[in-house]
Structures are given as structure tokens and as C-alpha cells.
């Protein structure tokens, strides 16, 4: 896989935050290292979200059709009041 250079301009609050994260007093040596960390975190978060959703839906997908109740939109609205 080849590396790709990306130029991003930031200023204000974003720039101040970036500066806190890198350098002598930050957790990262440079901006590239921090950006790679953020992208990896985003990918992990998405993966974990899909895994959670799958775990939540799996019982319903495997359930017998007779286990479901027919409800109308009005039923849902009344239940949520």
C-alpha cells in the first residue's frame, strides 16, 4: 500500500487542540501520528458499533415469526408517551 499525502488546514480551536496533542507536552510526536490515531479510532468505533447492532438484532432475526406482535404507528406513539 502506498502512502498518500493529504494537506489539511486548521485554525482556531482545532489548531489549539492539535498543538496540545503533539510535541513535547502531548501524547503524539507529530500531527500525522495523531491523525492516524484518530482514523484508527474511528474505524474501531464503527466496527464495534456494527458488532453491537448485530448482537442486539440477532435474537430477533432468529426468533420464530409467532413471537412477534403486530403494532400500529399509533400503538408505538401511545407506548412512548
PDB file of N, CA and C in Angstrom:
ATOM      1  N   UNK A   1       0.843  -1.166   0.000  1.00  0.00           N
ATOM      2  CA  UNK A   1       0.000   0.000   0.000  1.00  0.00           C
ATOM      3  C   UNK A   1       0.897   1.241   0.000  1.00  0.00           C
ATOM      4  N   UNK A   2       0.593   2.161  -0.872  1.00  0.00           N
ATOM      5  CA  UNK A   2       1.396   3.367  -0.935  1.00  0.00           C
ATOM      6  C   UNK A   2       0.830   4.438  -0.009  1.00  0.00           C
ATOM      7  N   UNK A   3       1.714   5.274   0.495  1.00  0.00           N
ATOM      8  CA  UNK A   3       1.296   6.365   1.368  1.00  0.00           C
ATOM      9  C   UNK A   3       0.724   7.493   0.526  1.00  0.00           C
ATOM     10  N   UNK A   4      -0.243   8.171   1.091  1.00  0.00           N
ATOM     11  CA  UNK A   4      -0.860   9.309   0.438  1.00  0.00           C
ATOM     12  C   UNK A   4      -0.667  10.540   1.297  1.00  0.00           C
ATOM     13  N   UNK A   5      -0.240  11.606   0.684  1.00  0.00           N
ATOM     14  CA  UNK A   5      -0.109  12.870   1.403  1.00  0.00           C
ATOM     15  C   UNK A   5      -1.417  13.628   1.307  1.00  0.00           C
ATOM     16  N   UNK A   6      -1.856  14.148   2.436  1.00  0.00           N
ATOM     17  CA  UNK A   6      -3.074  14.946   2.486  1.00  0.00           C
ATOM     18  C   UNK A   6      -2.742  16.240   3.220  1.00  0.00           C
ATOM     19  N   UNK A   7      -3.111  17.347   2.630  1.00  0.00           N
ATOM     20  CA  UNK A   7      -2.911  18.641   3.279  1.00  0.00           C
ATOM     21  C   UNK A   7      -4.236  19.102   3.865  1.00  0.00           C
ATOM     22  N   UNK A   8      -4.211  19.462   5.124  1.00  0.00           N
ATOM     23  CA  UNK A   8      -5.417  19.923   5.810  1.00  0.00           C
ATOM     24  C   UNK A   8      -5.088  21.229   6.515  1.00  0.00           C
ATOM     25  N   UNK A   9      -5.937  22.212   6.339  1.00  0.00           N
ATOM     26  CA  UNK A   9      -5.744  23.489   7.017  1.00  0.00           C
ATOM     27  C   UNK A   9      -6.693  23.547   8.204  1.00  0.00           C
ATOM     28  N   UNK A  10      -6.146  23.850   9.348  1.00  0.00           N
ATOM     29  CA  UNK A  10      -6.973  24.016  10.538  1.00  0.00           C
ATOM     30  C   UNK A  10      -6.564  25.308  11.230  1.00  0.00           C
ATOM     31  N   UNK A  11      -7.501  25.871  11.946  1.00  0.00           N
ATOM     32  CA  UNK A  11      -7.189  27.088  12.683  1.00  0.00           C
ATOM     33  C   UNK A  11      -8.099  27.165  13.903  1.00  0.00           C
ATOM     34  N   UNK A  12      -7.845  28.125  14.705  1.00  0.00           N
ATOM     35  CA  UNK A  12      -8.676  28.369  15.870  1.00  0.00           C
ATOM     36  C   UNK A  12      -8.627  27.235  16.882  1.00  0.00           C
ATOM     37  N   UNK A  13      -9.788  26.843  17.347  1.00  0.00           N
ATOM     38  CA  UNK A  13      -9.912  25.817  18.382  1.00  0.00           C
ATOM     39  C   UNK A  13      -9.304  24.484  17.961  1.00  0.00           C
ATOM     40  N   UNK A  14      -9.495  24.124  16.693  1.00  0.00           N
ATOM     41  CA  UNK A  14      -8.929  22.859  16.206  1.00  0.00           C
ATOM     42  C   UNK A  14      -7.409  22.890  16.232  1.00  0.00           C
ATOM     43  N   UNK A  15      -6.838  23.994  15.807  1.00  0.00           N
ATOM     44  CA  UNK A  15      -5.380  24.120  15.802  1.00  0.00           C
ATOM     45  C   UNK A  15      -4.833  24.086  17.234  1.00  0.00           C
ATOM     46  N   UNK A  16      -5.511  24.781  18.147  1.00  0.00           N
ATOM     47  CA  UNK A  16      -5.070  24.795  19.543  1.00  0.00           C
ATOM     48  C   UNK A  16      -5.117  23.391  20.131  1.00  0.00           C
ATOM     49  N   UNK A  17      -6.176  22.655  19.808  1.00  0.00           N
ATOM     50  CA  UNK A  17      -6.292  21.280  20.310  1.00  0.00           C
ATOM     51  C   UNK A  17      -5.182  20.405  19.747  1.00  0.00           C
ATOM     52  N   UNK A  18      -4.937  20.527  18.458  1.00  0.00           N
ATOM     53  CA  UNK A  18      -3.873  19.749  17.825  1.00  0.00           C
ATOM     54  C   UNK A  18      -2.532  20.032  18.495  1.00  0.00           C
ATOM     55  N   UNK A  19      -2.243  21.277  18.745  1.00  0.00           N
ATOM     56  CA  UNK A  19      -0.974  21.644  19.361  1.00  0.00           C
ATOM     57  C   UNK A  19      -0.839  21.055  20.768  1.00  0.00           C
ATOM     58  N   UNK A  20      -1.950  20.906  21.472  1.00  0.00           N
ATOM     59  CA  UNK A  20      -1.909  20.288  22.804  1.00  0.00           C
ATOM     60  C   UNK A  20      -1.610  18.797  22.722  1.00  0.00           C
ATOM     61  N   UNK A  21      -1.972  18.172  21.605  1.00  0.00           N
ATOM     62  CA  UNK A  21      -1.823  16.732  21.458  1.00  0.00           C
ATOM     63  C   UNK A  21      -0.444  16.304  20.982  1.00  0.00           C
ATOM     64  N   UNK A  22       0.300  17.228  20.388  1.00  0.00           N
ATOM     65  CA  UNK A  22       1.597  16.863  19.805  1.00  0.00           C
ATOM     66  C   UNK A  22       2.738  17.622  20.483  1.00  0.00           C
ATOM     67  N   UNK A  23       3.925  17.150  20.221  1.00  0.00           N
ATOM     68  CA  UNK A  23       5.114  17.842  20.701  1.00  0.00           C
ATOM     69  C   UNK A  23       5.550  17.420  22.089  1.00  0.00           C
ATOM     70  N   UNK A  24       6.316  18.249  22.699  1.00  0.00           N
ATOM     71  CA  UNK A  24       6.962  17.944  23.979  1.00  0.00           C
ATOM     72  C   UNK A  24       5.979  17.600  25.089  1.00  0.00           C
ATOM     73  N   UNK A  25       4.823  18.262  25.113  1.00  0.00           N
ATOM     74  CA  UNK A  25       3.865  18.040  26.203  1.00  0.00           C
ATOM     75  C   UNK A  25       2.660  17.200  25.777  1.00  0.00           C
ATOM     76  N   UNK A  26       2.626  16.754  24.555  1.00  0.00           N
ATOM     77  CA  UNK A  26       1.493  15.980  24.063  1.00  0.00           C
ATOM     78  C   UNK A  26       1.779  14.485  24.053  1.00  0.00           C
ATOM     79  N   UNK A  27       0.770  13.729  23.676  1.00  0.00           N
ATOM     80  CA  UNK A  27       0.896  12.272  23.606  1.00  0.00           C
ATOM     81  C   UNK A  27       1.507  11.794  22.289  1.00  0.00           C
ATOM     82  N   UNK A  28       1.535  12.663  21.282  1.00  0.00           N
ATOM     83  CA  UNK A  28       1.978  12.269  19.946  1.00  0.00           C
ATOM     84  C   UNK A  28       3.160  13.114  19.519  1.00  0.00           C
ATOM     85  N   UNK A  29       4.049  12.508  18.741  1.00  0.00           N
ATOM     86  CA  UNK A  29       5.250  13.216  18.282  1.00  0.00           C
ATOM     87  C   UNK A  29       4.950  14.271  17.232  1.00  0.00           C
ATOM     88  N   UNK A  30       3.922  14.003  16.415  1.00  0.00           N
ATOM     89  CA  UNK A  30       3.610  14.952  15.346  1.00  0.00           C
ATOM     90  C   UNK A  30       2.148  14.825  14.939  1.00  0.00           C
ATOM     91  N   UNK A  31       1.704  15.747  14.092  1.00  0.00           N
ATOM     92  CA  UNK A  31       0.302  15.782  13.676  1.00  0.00           C
ATOM     93  C   UNK A  31      -0.091  14.516  12.908  1.00  0.00           C
ATOM     94  N   UNK A  32       0.796  14.000  12.083  1.00  0.00           N
ATOM     95  CA  UNK A  32       0.477  12.794  11.304  1.00  0.00           C
ATOM     96  C   UNK A  32       0.170  11.614  12.216  1.00  0.00           C
ATOM     97  N   UNK A  33       0.957  11.470  13.266  1.00  0.00           N
ATOM     98  CA  UNK A  33       0.746  10.374  14.209  1.00  0.00           C
ATOM     99  C   UNK A  33      -0.626  10.507  14.883  1.00  0.00           C
ATOM    100  N   UNK A  34      -0.980  11.717  15.260  1.00  0.00           N
ATOM    101  CA  UNK A  34      -2.270  11.961  15.905  1.00  0.00           C
ATOM    102  C   UNK A  34      -3.426  11.696  14.941  1.00  0.00           C
ATOM    103  N   UNK A  35      -3.304  12.148  13.705  1.00  0.00           N
ATOM    104  CA  UNK A  35      -4.362  11.926  12.710  1.00  0.00           C
ATOM    105  C   UNK A  35      -4.538  10.434  12.436  1.00  0.00           C
ATOM    106  N   UNK A  36      -3.441   9.694  12.327  1.00  0.00           N
ATOM    107  CA  UNK A  36      -3.547   8.244  12.121  1.00  0.00           C
ATOM    108  C   UNK A  36      -4.269   7.594  13.297  1.00  0.00           C
ATOM    109  N   UNK A  37      -3.957   8.030  14.527  1.00  0.00           N
ATOM    110  CA  UNK A  37      -4.636   7.514  15.713  1.00  0.00           C
ATOM    111  C   UNK A  37      -6.146   7.783  15.625  1.00  0.00           C
ATOM    112  N   UNK A  38      -6.526   9.008  15.238  1.00  0.00           N
ATOM    113  CA  UNK A  38      -7.945   9.352  15.140  1.00  0.00           C
ATOM    114  C   UNK A  38      -8.665   8.495  14.103  1.00  0.00           C
ATOM    115  N   UNK A  39      -8.019   8.269  12.964  1.00  0.00           N
ATOM    116  CA  UNK A  39      -8.637   7.448  11.916  1.00  0.00           C
ATOM    117  C   UNK A  39      -8.801   6.011  12.403  1.00  0.00           C
ATOM    118  N   UNK A  40      -7.765   5.468  13.050  1.00  0.00           N
ATOM    119  CA  UNK A  40      -7.868   4.099  13.586  1.00  0.00           C
ATOM    120  C   UNK A  40      -8.982   4.012  14.628  1.00  0.00           C
ATOM    121  N   UNK A  41      -9.091   5.026  15.466  1.00  0.00           N
ATOM    122  CA  UNK A  41     -10.145   5.047  16.491  1.00  0.00           C
ATOM    123  C   UNK A  41     -11.524   5.077  15.853  1.00  0.00           C
ATOM    124  N   UNK A  42     -11.663   5.851  14.795  1.00  0.00           N
ATOM    125  CA  UNK A  42     -12.929   5.933  14.080  1.00  0.00           C
ATOM    126  C   UNK A  42     -13.299   4.583  13.469  1.00  0.00           C
ATOM    127  N   UNK A  43     -12.325   3.933  12.841  1.00  0.00           N
ATOM    128  CA  UNK A  43     -12.575   2.617  12.244  1.00  0.00           C
ATOM    129  C   UNK A  43     -12.963   1.599  13.313  1.00  0.00           C
ATOM    130  N   UNK A  44     -12.276   1.622  14.439  1.00  0.00           N
ATOM    131  CA  UNK A  44     -12.582   0.702  15.531  1.00  0.00           C
ATOM    132  C   UNK A  44     -13.980   0.969  16.074  1.00  0.00           C
ATOM    133  N   UNK A  45     -14.322   2.227  16.244  1.00  0.00           N
ATOM    134  CA  UNK A  45     -15.632   2.597  16.763  1.00  0.00           C
ATOM    135  C   UNK A  45     -16.742   2.114  15.832  1.00  0.00           C
ATOM    136  N   UNK A  46     -16.542   2.293  14.543  1.00  0.00           N
ATOM    137  CA  UNK A  46     -17.542   1.822  13.577  1.00  0.00           C
ATOM    138  C   UNK A  46     -17.692   0.306  13.637  1.00  0.00           C
ATOM    139  N   UNK A  47     -16.573  -0.375  13.704  1.00  0.00           N
ATOM    140  CA  UNK A  47     -16.598  -1.830  13.771  1.00  0.00           C
ATOM    141  C   UNK A  47     -17.319  -2.300  15.030  1.00  0.00           C
ATOM    142  N   UNK A  48     -17.019  -1.656  16.153  1.00  0.00           N
ATOM    143  CA  UNK A  48     -17.666  -2.025  17.415  1.00  0.00           C
ATOM    144  C   UNK A  48     -19.156  -1.705  17.373  1.00  0.00           C
ATOM    145  N   UNK A  49     -19.529  -0.620  16.723  1.00  0.00           N
ATOM    146  CA  UNK A  49     -20.945  -0.260  16.612  1.00  0.00           C
ATOM    147  C   UNK A  49     -21.716  -1.289  15.803  1.00  0.00           C
ATOM    148  N   UNK A  50     -21.140  -1.735  14.694  1.00  0.00           N
ATOM    149  CA  UNK A  50     -21.802  -2.747  13.876  1.00  0.00           C
ATOM    150  C   UNK A  50     -21.900  -4.072  14.634  1.00  0.00           C
ATOM    151  N   UNK A  51     -20.858  -4.406  15.373  1.00  0.00           N
ATOM    152  CA  UNK A  51     -20.888  -5.652  16.150  1.00  0.00           C
ATOM    153  C   UNK A  51     -21.972  -5.576  17.220  1.00  0.00           C
ATOM    154  N   UNK A  52     -22.107  -4.421  17.887  1.00  0.00           N
ATOM    155  CA  UNK A  52     -23.143  -4.246  18.907  1.00  0.00           C
ATOM    156  C   UNK A  52     -24.528  -4.386  18.274  1.00  0.00           C
ATOM    157  N   UNK A  53     -24.737  -3.713  17.142  1.00  0.00           N
ATOM    158  CA  UNK A  53     -26.031  -3.776  16.469  1.00  0.00           C
ATOM    159  C   UNK A  53     -26.369  -5.203  16.068  1.00  0.00           C
ATOM    160  N   UNK A  54     -25.394  -5.924  15.565  1.00  0.00           N
ATOM    161  CA  UNK A  54     -25.616  -7.316  15.175  1.00  0.00           C
ATOM    162  C   UNK A  54     -26.023  -8.151  16.390  1.00  0.00           C
ATOM    163  N   UNK A  55     -25.327  -7.965  17.527  1.00  0.00           N
ATOM    164  CA  UNK A  55     -25.672  -8.709  18.743  1.00  0.00           C
ATOM    165  C   UNK A  55     -27.085  -8.383  19.212  1.00  0.00           C
ATOM    166  N   UNK A  56     -27.471  -7.119  19.088  1.00  0.00           N
ATOM    167  CA  UNK A  56     -28.804  -6.700  19.528  1.00  0.00           C
ATOM    168  C   UNK A  56     -29.904  -7.263  18.622  1.00  0.00           C
ATOM    169  N   UNK A  57     -29.643  -7.316  17.324  1.00  0.00           N
ATOM    170  CA  UNK A  57     -30.663  -7.752  16.376  1.00  0.00           C
ATOM    171  C   UNK A  57     -30.726  -9.262  16.190  1.00  0.00           C
ATOM    172  N   UNK A  58     -29.642  -9.933  16.486  1.00  0.00           N
ATOM    173  CA  UNK A  58     -29.565 -11.377  16.222  1.00  0.00           C
ATOM    174  C   UNK A  58     -30.711 -12.179  16.853  1.00  0.00           C
ATOM    175  N   UNK A  59     -31.068 -11.955  18.117  1.00  0.00           N
ATOM    176  CA  UNK A  59     -32.176 -12.734  18.685  1.00  0.00           C
ATOM    177  C   UNK A  59     -33.480 -12.542  17.913  1.00  0.00           C
ATOM    178  N   UNK A  60     -33.761 -11.326  17.486  1.00  0.00           N
ATOM    179  CA  UNK A  60     -34.985 -11.070  16.734  1.00  0.00           C
ATOM    180  C   UNK A  60     -34.933 -11.732  15.362  1.00  0.00           C
ATOM    181  N   UNK A  61     -33.762 -11.750  14.741  1.00  0.00           N
ATOM    182  CA  UNK A  61     -33.639 -12.373  13.432  1.00  0.00           C
ATOM    183  C   UNK A  61     -33.799 -13.886  13.501  1.00  0.00           C
ATOM    184  N   UNK A  62     -33.447 -14.465  14.643  1.00  0.00           N
ATOM    185  CA  UNK A  62     -33.550 -15.910  14.814  1.00  0.00           C
ATOM    186  C   UNK A  62     -34.893 -16.350  15.410  1.00  0.00           C
ATOM    187  N   UNK A  63     -35.673 -15.391  15.902  1.00  0.00           N
ATOM    188  CA  UNK A  63     -36.933 -15.719  16.578  1.00  0.00           C
ATOM    189  C   UNK A  63     -37.958 -16.269  15.598  1.00  0.00           C
ATOM    190  N   UNK A  64     -38.823 -17.086  16.128  1.00  0.00           N
ATOM    191  CA  UNK A  64     -39.935 -17.627  15.351  1.00  0.00           C
ATOM    192  C   UNK A  64     -40.889 -16.482  15.015  1.00  0.00           C
ATOM    193  N   UNK A  65     -41.469 -16.521  13.858  1.00  0.00           N
ATOM    194  CA  UNK A  65     -42.363 -15.441  13.424  1.00  0.00           C
ATOM    195  C   UNK A  65     -43.531 -15.239  14.386  1.00  0.00           C
ATOM    196  N   UNK A  66     -43.949 -16.286  15.054  1.00  0.00           N
ATOM    197  CA  UNK A  66     -45.058 -16.194  16.004  1.00  0.00           C
ATOM    198  C   UNK A  66     -44.704 -15.410  17.259  1.00  0.00           C
ATOM    199  N   UNK A  67     -43.432 -15.133  17.479  1.00  0.00           N
ATOM    200  CA  UNK A  67     -43.009 -14.394  18.668  1.00  0.00           C
ATOM    201  C   UNK A  67     -43.214 -12.892  18.515  1.00  0.00           C
ATOM    202  N   UNK A  68     -43.565 -12.441  17.321  1.00  0.00           N
ATOM    203  CA  UNK A  68     -43.718 -11.012  17.074  1.00  0.00           C
ATOM    204  C   UNK A  68     -45.169 -10.585  17.229  1.00  0.00           C
ATOM    205  N   UNK A  69     -45.372  -9.342  17.652  1.00  0.00           N
ATOM    206  CA  UNK A  69     -46.703  -8.761  17.781  1.00  0.00           C
ATOM    207  C   UNK A  69     -46.878  -7.692  16.713  1.00  0.00           C
ATOM    208  N   UNK A  70     -48.053  -7.654  16.133  1.00  0.00           N
ATOM    209  CA  UNK A  70     -48.350  -6.608  15.156  1.00  0.00           C
ATOM    210  C   UNK A  70     -48.744  -5.346  15.926  1.00  0.00           C
ATOM    211  N   UNK A  71     -48.117  -4.236  15.588  1.00  0.00           N
ATOM    212  CA  UNK A  71     -48.457  -2.963  16.216  1.00  0.00           C
ATOM    213  C   UNK A  71     -48.605  -1.901  15.140  1.00  0.00           C
ATOM    214  N   UNK A  72     -49.396  -0.914  15.456  1.00  0.00           N
ATOM    215  CA  UNK A  72     -49.570   0.206  14.530  1.00  0.00           C
ATOM    216  C   UNK A  72     -48.678   1.358  14.983  1.00  0.00           C
ATOM    217  N   UNK A  73     -48.565   2.343  14.128  1.00  0.00           N
ATOM    218  CA  UNK A  73     -47.801   3.539  14.496  1.00  0.00           C
ATOM    219  C   UNK A  73     -48.427   4.189  15.727  1.00  0.00           C
ATOM    220  N   UNK A  74     -49.755   4.198  15.789  1.00  0.00           N
ATOM    221  CA  UNK A  74     -50.444   4.775  16.950  1.00  0.00           C
ATOM    222  C   UNK A  74     -50.106   4.013  18.230  1.00  0.00           C
ATOM    223  N   UNK A  75     -49.998   2.689  18.150  1.00  0.00           N
ATOM    224  CA  UNK A  75     -49.597   1.900  19.323  1.00  0.00           C
ATOM    225  C   UNK A  75     -48.231   2.348  19.841  1.00  0.00           C
ATOM    226  N   UNK A  76     -47.308   2.554  18.939  1.00  0.00           N
ATOM    227  CA  UNK A  76     -45.955   2.962  19.320  1.00  0.00           C
ATOM    228  C   UNK A  76     -45.974   4.365  19.925  1.00  0.00           C
ATOM    229  N   UNK A  77     -46.728   5.252  19.321  1.00  0.00           N
ATOM    230  CA  UNK A  77     -46.827   6.622  19.840  1.00  0.00           C
ATOM    231  C   UNK A  77     -47.414   6.611  21.244  1.00  0.00           C
ATOM    232  N   UNK A  78     -48.454   5.856  21.453  1.00  0.00           N
ATOM    233  CA  UNK A  78     -49.082   5.791  22.779  1.00  0.00           C
ATOM    234  C   UNK A  78     -48.143   5.160  23.802  1.00  0.00           C
ATOM    235  N   UNK A  79     -47.434   4.144  23.408  1.00  0.00           N
ATOM    236  CA  UNK A  79     -46.492   3.488  24.321  1.00  0.00           C
ATOM    237  C   UNK A  79     -45.380   4.424  24.737  1.00  0.00           C
ATOM    238  N   UNK A  80     -44.965   5.300  23.856  1.00  0.00           N
ATOM    239  CA  UNK A  80     -43.837   6.185  24.137  1.00  0.00           C
ATOM    240  C   UNK A  80     -44.231   7.498  24.803  1.00  0.00           C
ATOM    241  N   UNK A  81     -45.504   7.699  25.064  1.00  0.00           N
ATOM    242  CA  UNK A  81     -45.930   8.930  25.739  1.00  0.00           C
ATOM    243  C   UNK A  81     -45.650   8.857  27.213  1.00  0.00           C
TER     244      UNK A  81
END
